[in-house]
Amino acid sequence: MATPQDLRYSKEHEWARVNGDGAVIGITDYAQRSLGDIVYVELPKVGEQIKQFGSIGVVESVKAVSDLFTPLSGEVVEVNGALDGDPAAVNRDPYGDGWMLKLKLSNPDETKSLLSAEEYDKLAAE
C-alpha cells in the first residue's frame, strides 16, 4: 500500500490527517502489517487532553500488544467506535475506516515536527 502523501507521520508509526485546527489519527500500514491481525483497540475517552507523543491506548494483535502514541496534542473529540466490534478494520483500511480518533489541536505548529510521506518511507525501510 502506498504511503498517502497528504498525511504527516510519527517515528512511532502513527499518522495524522490535519484539517485546520482538527486532526484524524491512526496507525500506518507498516504498523498494522508488523502487528498482524488486530483483535482489540483501546482508545482514550472523548474529552481527554492528550500530549504529543504520549501513550494514549493499546493495540492488541494475535502476535503482540503495543502502546498507541499520539503524533499531536489536543482534546479528543471523537473515537472510532466501530473498532470495538471490528478492530480488524485497522488491518483492512488503516488510512480510511481504520482511523482511531479525532482531535481538536491545541498546538497546530506541532505538525512541523512530524515526518512527510517520503521521510516516513525512509524510516520504515530501515
N, C-alpha and C. Protein backbone atom coordinates (compact mmCIF):
# COMPACT_ATOMS: atom_id res chain seq x y z
N MET A 1 0.84 -1.18 0.00
CA MET A 1 0.00 0.00 0.00
C MET A 1 0.89 1.24 0.00
N ALA A 2 0.60 2.17 -0.88
CA ALA A 2 1.39 3.40 -0.95
C ALA A 2 1.13 4.27 0.27
N THR A 3 2.16 4.96 0.71
CA THR A 3 2.05 5.88 1.83
C THR A 3 1.36 7.16 1.35
N PRO A 4 0.18 7.50 1.91
CA PRO A 4 -0.51 8.71 1.46
C PRO A 4 0.34 9.96 1.64
N GLN A 5 0.40 10.77 0.60
CA GLN A 5 1.23 11.97 0.59
C GLN A 5 0.64 13.11 1.42
N ASP A 6 -0.67 13.10 1.66
CA ASP A 6 -1.33 14.22 2.34
C ASP A 6 -1.32 14.10 3.86
N LEU A 7 -0.68 13.09 4.40
CA LEU A 7 -0.64 12.88 5.85
C LEU A 7 0.73 13.24 6.40
N ARG A 8 0.79 13.40 7.71
CA ARG A 8 2.06 13.57 8.44
C ARG A 8 2.24 12.34 9.32
N TYR A 9 3.49 11.98 9.62
CA TYR A 9 3.79 10.71 10.28
C TYR A 9 4.71 10.91 11.48
N SER A 10 4.56 10.00 12.47
CA SER A 10 5.46 10.00 13.61
C SER A 10 6.44 8.84 13.46
N LYS A 11 7.53 8.92 14.20
CA LYS A 11 8.51 7.83 14.19
C LYS A 11 7.96 6.58 14.87
N GLU A 12 6.85 6.72 15.60
CA GLU A 12 6.22 5.57 16.27
C GLU A 12 5.17 4.92 15.36
N HIS A 13 5.10 5.33 14.09
CA HIS A 13 4.24 4.73 13.07
C HIS A 13 2.76 5.09 13.20
N GLU A 14 2.50 6.31 13.64
CA GLU A 14 1.14 6.84 13.60
C GLU A 14 1.07 7.91 12.51
N TRP A 15 -0.13 8.16 12.02
CA TRP A 15 -0.34 9.20 11.02
C TRP A 15 -1.35 10.22 11.52
N ALA A 16 -1.30 11.40 10.93
CA ALA A 16 -2.25 12.47 11.24
C ALA A 16 -2.70 13.12 9.94
N ARG A 17 -4.01 13.24 9.79
CA ARG A 17 -4.60 13.98 8.67
C ARG A 17 -5.11 15.29 9.27
N VAL A 18 -4.38 16.37 9.03
CA VAL A 18 -4.68 17.66 9.65
C VAL A 18 -5.57 18.48 8.72
N ASN A 19 -6.61 19.07 9.34
CA ASN A 19 -7.53 19.95 8.61
C ASN A 19 -7.86 21.12 9.53
N GLY A 20 -7.19 22.24 9.32
CA GLY A 20 -7.38 23.40 10.18
C GLY A 20 -6.90 23.12 11.58
N ASP A 21 -7.79 23.27 12.57
CA ASP A 21 -7.40 23.02 13.96
C ASP A 21 -7.84 21.63 14.43
N GLY A 22 -8.13 20.75 13.46
CA GLY A 22 -8.51 19.38 13.79
C GLY A 22 -7.60 18.38 13.11
N ALA A 23 -7.60 17.15 13.62
CA ALA A 23 -6.80 16.08 13.01
C ALA A 23 -7.45 14.74 13.27
N VAL A 24 -7.30 13.86 12.30
CA VAL A 24 -7.68 12.46 12.44
C VAL A 24 -6.39 11.69 12.63
N ILE A 25 -6.39 10.72 13.56
CA ILE A 25 -5.18 9.98 13.93
C ILE A 25 -5.42 8.49 13.70
N GLY A 26 -4.37 7.79 13.24
CA GLY A 26 -4.43 6.35 13.08
C GLY A 26 -3.02 5.77 13.07
N ILE A 27 -2.93 4.46 12.84
CA ILE A 27 -1.61 3.84 12.70
C ILE A 27 -1.37 3.55 11.22
N THR A 28 -0.12 3.48 10.85
CA THR A 28 0.26 3.32 9.45
C THR A 28 0.07 1.88 8.98
N ASP A 29 0.09 1.74 7.67
CA ASP A 29 0.03 0.42 7.06
C ASP A 29 1.21 -0.43 7.53
N TYR A 30 2.39 0.17 7.61
CA TYR A 30 3.57 -0.54 8.10
C TYR A 30 3.32 -1.09 9.51
N ALA A 31 2.73 -0.26 10.39
CA ALA A 31 2.47 -0.67 11.77
C ALA A 31 1.48 -1.83 11.82
N GLN A 32 0.38 -1.72 11.07
CA GLN A 32 -0.62 -2.78 11.14
C GLN A 32 -0.08 -4.09 10.56
N ARG A 33 0.76 -4.01 9.52
CA ARG A 33 1.36 -5.24 8.97
C ARG A 33 2.33 -5.85 9.96
N SER A 34 3.09 -5.02 10.68
CA SER A 34 4.04 -5.52 11.68
C SER A 34 3.32 -6.20 12.84
N LEU A 35 2.18 -5.65 13.22
CA LEU A 35 1.42 -6.21 14.34
C LEU A 35 0.72 -7.52 13.98
N GLY A 36 0.27 -7.64 12.74
CA GLY A 36 -0.52 -8.81 12.36
C GLY A 36 -2.00 -8.53 12.61
N ASP A 37 -2.78 -9.59 12.72
CA ASP A 37 -4.23 -9.45 12.87
C ASP A 37 -4.59 -8.75 14.18
N ILE A 38 -5.18 -7.57 14.05
CA ILE A 38 -5.55 -6.78 15.23
C ILE A 38 -6.88 -7.29 15.78
N VAL A 39 -6.88 -7.56 17.09
CA VAL A 39 -8.07 -8.13 17.74
C VAL A 39 -8.70 -7.19 18.76
N TYR A 40 -8.00 -6.11 19.14
CA TYR A 40 -8.54 -5.21 20.15
C TYR A 40 -7.82 -3.87 20.07
N VAL A 41 -8.59 -2.79 20.23
CA VAL A 41 -8.03 -1.45 20.25
C VAL A 41 -8.61 -0.71 21.45
N GLU A 42 -7.74 -0.20 22.31
CA GLU A 42 -8.16 0.61 23.46
C GLU A 42 -7.78 2.06 23.16
N LEU A 43 -8.78 2.94 23.19
CA LEU A 43 -8.58 4.34 22.84
C LEU A 43 -8.92 5.25 24.02
N PRO A 44 -8.42 6.49 24.00
CA PRO A 44 -8.77 7.42 25.08
C PRO A 44 -10.25 7.80 25.00
N LYS A 45 -10.73 8.45 26.03
CA LYS A 45 -12.13 8.86 26.09
C LYS A 45 -12.30 10.26 25.48
N VAL A 46 -13.47 10.50 24.91
CA VAL A 46 -13.80 11.82 24.39
C VAL A 46 -13.68 12.83 25.54
N GLY A 47 -13.06 13.96 25.25
CA GLY A 47 -12.86 15.00 26.25
C GLY A 47 -11.47 14.97 26.88
N GLU A 48 -10.75 13.85 26.74
CA GLU A 48 -9.40 13.77 27.31
C GLU A 48 -8.46 14.72 26.58
N GLN A 49 -7.56 15.32 27.34
CA GLN A 49 -6.48 16.14 26.78
C GLN A 49 -5.26 15.22 26.64
N ILE A 50 -4.68 15.18 25.45
CA ILE A 50 -3.53 14.31 25.24
C ILE A 50 -2.36 15.14 24.74
N LYS A 51 -1.16 14.69 25.06
CA LYS A 51 0.08 15.41 24.73
C LYS A 51 0.82 14.69 23.60
N GLN A 52 1.44 15.48 22.74
CA GLN A 52 2.19 14.94 21.61
C GLN A 52 3.16 13.86 22.07
N PHE A 53 3.12 12.73 21.37
CA PHE A 53 3.98 11.56 21.56
C PHE A 53 3.69 10.81 22.86
N GLY A 54 2.62 11.18 23.57
CA GLY A 54 2.25 10.48 24.78
C GLY A 54 1.47 9.20 24.46
N SER A 55 1.51 8.25 25.37
CA SER A 55 0.77 7.00 25.22
C SER A 55 -0.71 7.28 25.43
N ILE A 56 -1.55 6.82 24.50
CA ILE A 56 -2.98 7.10 24.58
C ILE A 56 -3.85 5.86 24.53
N GLY A 57 -3.24 4.70 24.46
CA GLY A 57 -4.04 3.48 24.38
C GLY A 57 -3.18 2.29 24.00
N VAL A 58 -3.88 1.25 23.56
CA VAL A 58 -3.21 -0.02 23.26
C VAL A 58 -3.83 -0.62 22.00
N VAL A 59 -2.97 -1.23 21.19
CA VAL A 59 -3.41 -2.03 20.05
C VAL A 59 -2.94 -3.46 20.32
N GLU A 60 -3.88 -4.39 20.31
CA GLU A 60 -3.57 -5.79 20.60
C GLU A 60 -3.79 -6.61 19.34
N SER A 61 -2.80 -7.43 19.03
CA SER A 61 -2.92 -8.32 17.88
C SER A 61 -2.68 -9.75 18.34
N VAL A 62 -2.79 -10.68 17.40
CA VAL A 62 -2.54 -12.07 17.75
C VAL A 62 -1.07 -12.30 18.11
N LYS A 63 -0.20 -11.37 17.69
CA LYS A 63 1.24 -11.52 17.94
C LYS A 63 1.74 -10.71 19.13
N ALA A 64 1.13 -9.54 19.39
CA ALA A 64 1.72 -8.63 20.37
C ALA A 64 0.70 -7.62 20.88
N VAL A 65 1.08 -6.97 21.97
CA VAL A 65 0.34 -5.81 22.48
C VAL A 65 1.29 -4.62 22.36
N SER A 66 0.81 -3.55 21.74
CA SER A 66 1.65 -2.37 21.52
C SER A 66 0.95 -1.12 22.03
N ASP A 67 1.73 -0.24 22.65
CA ASP A 67 1.19 1.05 23.05
C ASP A 67 0.88 1.87 21.81
N LEU A 68 -0.14 2.68 21.94
CA LEU A 68 -0.54 3.61 20.89
C LEU A 68 -0.14 5.01 21.35
N PHE A 69 0.55 5.74 20.50
CA PHE A 69 1.01 7.08 20.82
C PHE A 69 0.32 8.09 19.92
N THR A 70 0.21 9.32 20.38
CA THR A 70 -0.40 10.35 19.56
C THR A 70 0.67 11.22 18.92
N PRO A 71 0.55 11.50 17.62
CA PRO A 71 1.53 12.36 16.97
C PRO A 71 1.32 13.85 17.27
N LEU A 72 0.15 14.20 17.84
CA LEU A 72 -0.18 15.61 18.10
C LEU A 72 -0.91 15.76 19.43
N SER A 73 -0.87 16.96 19.98
CA SER A 73 -1.57 17.28 21.24
C SER A 73 -2.95 17.83 20.95
N GLY A 74 -3.86 17.61 21.89
CA GLY A 74 -5.17 18.23 21.76
C GLY A 74 -6.21 17.53 22.60
N GLU A 75 -7.46 17.89 22.34
CA GLU A 75 -8.60 17.30 23.03
C GLU A 75 -9.25 16.26 22.12
N VAL A 76 -9.48 15.08 22.66
CA VAL A 76 -10.15 14.02 21.90
C VAL A 76 -11.61 14.44 21.72
N VAL A 77 -12.04 14.60 20.46
CA VAL A 77 -13.42 15.00 20.18
C VAL A 77 -14.26 13.84 19.65
N GLU A 78 -13.59 12.77 19.20
CA GLU A 78 -14.32 11.60 18.71
C GLU A 78 -13.37 10.41 18.68
N VAL A 79 -13.90 9.24 18.98
CA VAL A 79 -13.15 7.99 18.79
C VAL A 79 -13.93 7.13 17.82
N ASN A 80 -13.23 6.26 17.14
CA ASN A 80 -13.86 5.38 16.15
C ASN A 80 -14.50 4.20 16.88
N GLY A 81 -15.74 4.37 17.27
CA GLY A 81 -16.46 3.32 18.00
C GLY A 81 -16.65 2.05 17.20
N ALA A 82 -16.58 2.13 15.87
CA ALA A 82 -16.72 0.93 15.04
C ALA A 82 -15.61 -0.09 15.31
N LEU A 83 -14.46 0.39 15.83
CA LEU A 83 -13.35 -0.52 16.11
C LEU A 83 -13.65 -1.46 17.27
N ASP A 84 -14.62 -1.10 18.14
CA ASP A 84 -15.00 -2.01 19.23
C ASP A 84 -15.49 -3.33 18.68
N GLY A 85 -16.32 -3.28 17.66
CA GLY A 85 -16.88 -4.50 17.09
C GLY A 85 -16.09 -5.04 15.92
N ASP A 86 -15.20 -4.23 15.36
CA ASP A 86 -14.45 -4.63 14.17
C ASP A 86 -13.04 -4.04 14.19
N PRO A 87 -12.20 -4.48 15.15
CA PRO A 87 -10.84 -3.94 15.20
C PRO A 87 -10.02 -4.26 13.96
N ALA A 88 -10.40 -5.29 13.21
CA ALA A 88 -9.67 -5.67 12.00
C ALA A 88 -9.80 -4.62 10.90
N ALA A 89 -10.68 -3.63 11.08
CA ALA A 89 -10.77 -2.53 10.11
C ALA A 89 -9.43 -1.82 10.00
N VAL A 90 -8.65 -1.82 11.08
CA VAL A 90 -7.32 -1.21 11.05
C VAL A 90 -6.43 -1.96 10.07
N ASN A 91 -6.55 -3.29 10.02
CA ASN A 91 -5.77 -4.08 9.06
C ASN A 91 -6.23 -3.84 7.63
N ARG A 92 -7.53 -3.81 7.44
CA ARG A 92 -8.08 -3.70 6.08
C ARG A 92 -7.89 -2.32 5.48
N ASP A 93 -8.02 -1.27 6.29
CA ASP A 93 -8.03 0.09 5.75
C ASP A 93 -7.45 1.06 6.78
N PRO A 94 -6.12 0.98 7.03
CA PRO A 94 -5.53 1.79 8.10
C PRO A 94 -5.67 3.30 7.90
N TYR A 95 -5.79 3.75 6.65
CA TYR A 95 -5.88 5.19 6.39
C TYR A 95 -7.32 5.66 6.15
N GLY A 96 -8.26 4.74 6.23
CA GLY A 96 -9.67 5.07 6.00
C GLY A 96 -10.52 4.63 7.18
N ASP A 97 -11.27 3.54 7.00
CA ASP A 97 -12.18 3.05 8.04
C ASP A 97 -11.47 2.69 9.34
N GLY A 98 -10.16 2.45 9.29
CA GLY A 98 -9.40 2.06 10.47
C GLY A 98 -8.85 3.24 11.28
N TRP A 99 -9.31 4.47 10.99
CA TRP A 99 -8.87 5.62 11.79
C TRP A 99 -9.22 5.37 13.25
N MET A 100 -8.52 6.04 14.15
CA MET A 100 -8.71 5.77 15.57
C MET A 100 -9.39 6.88 16.34
N LEU A 101 -8.92 8.13 16.16
CA LEU A 101 -9.54 9.21 16.92
C LEU A 101 -9.40 10.53 16.18
N LYS A 102 -10.23 11.49 16.62
CA LYS A 102 -10.18 12.84 16.09
C LYS A 102 -9.85 13.78 17.23
N LEU A 103 -8.98 14.75 16.92
CA LEU A 103 -8.52 15.72 17.91
C LEU A 103 -8.88 17.15 17.50
N LYS A 104 -9.13 17.97 18.49
CA LYS A 104 -9.10 19.43 18.31
C LYS A 104 -7.70 19.81 18.78
N LEU A 105 -6.87 20.26 17.86
CA LEU A 105 -5.46 20.50 18.15
C LEU A 105 -5.27 21.66 19.13
N SER A 106 -4.36 21.46 20.07
CA SER A 106 -4.01 22.53 21.00
C SER A 106 -2.81 23.33 20.50
N ASN A 107 -2.02 22.73 19.59
CA ASN A 107 -0.85 23.42 19.06
C ASN A 107 -0.60 22.94 17.62
N PRO A 108 -1.28 23.55 16.64
CA PRO A 108 -1.11 23.11 15.25
C PRO A 108 0.33 23.15 14.75
N ASP A 109 1.19 23.96 15.36
CA ASP A 109 2.60 24.02 14.94
C ASP A 109 3.34 22.71 15.17
N GLU A 110 2.79 21.83 16.02
CA GLU A 110 3.43 20.53 16.25
C GLU A 110 3.54 19.71 14.97
N THR A 111 2.71 19.98 13.99
CA THR A 111 2.78 19.21 12.75
C THR A 111 4.15 19.36 12.08
N LYS A 112 4.83 20.48 12.36
CA LYS A 112 6.15 20.72 11.77
C LYS A 112 7.19 19.71 12.24
N SER A 113 6.95 19.07 13.39
CA SER A 113 7.91 18.09 13.91
C SER A 113 7.64 16.68 13.38
N LEU A 114 6.58 16.53 12.59
CA LEU A 114 6.24 15.21 12.04
C LEU A 114 6.91 15.00 10.69
N LEU A 115 6.92 13.76 10.25
CA LEU A 115 7.58 13.38 9.01
C LEU A 115 6.65 13.50 7.81
N SER A 116 7.23 13.82 6.66
CA SER A 116 6.49 13.76 5.40
C SER A 116 6.39 12.29 4.99
N ALA A 117 5.60 12.00 3.97
CA ALA A 117 5.49 10.62 3.48
C ALA A 117 6.85 10.09 3.03
N GLU A 118 7.64 10.90 2.34
CA GLU A 118 8.97 10.47 1.88
C GLU A 118 9.88 10.15 3.06
N GLU A 119 9.87 11.02 4.06
CA GLU A 119 10.71 10.80 5.24
C GLU A 119 10.25 9.54 5.98
N TYR A 120 8.94 9.36 6.08
CA TYR A 120 8.42 8.18 6.76
C TYR A 120 8.80 6.89 6.02
N ASP A 121 8.68 6.91 4.70
CA ASP A 121 9.06 5.72 3.91
C ASP A 121 10.52 5.33 4.15
N LYS A 122 11.40 6.32 4.25
CA LYS A 122 12.82 6.03 4.54
C LYS A 122 12.97 5.39 5.91
N LEU A 123 12.24 5.91 6.91
CA LEU A 123 12.29 5.36 8.26
C LEU A 123 11.78 3.91 8.27
N ALA A 124 10.66 3.67 7.61
CA ALA A 124 10.05 2.35 7.60
C ALA A 124 10.91 1.32 6.86
N ALA A 125 11.75 1.79 5.94
CA ALA A 125 12.61 0.89 5.17
C ALA A 125 13.87 0.46 5.94
N GLU A 126 14.16 1.13 7.04
CA GLU A 126 15.39 0.82 7.79
C GLU A 126 15.29 -0.49 8.53
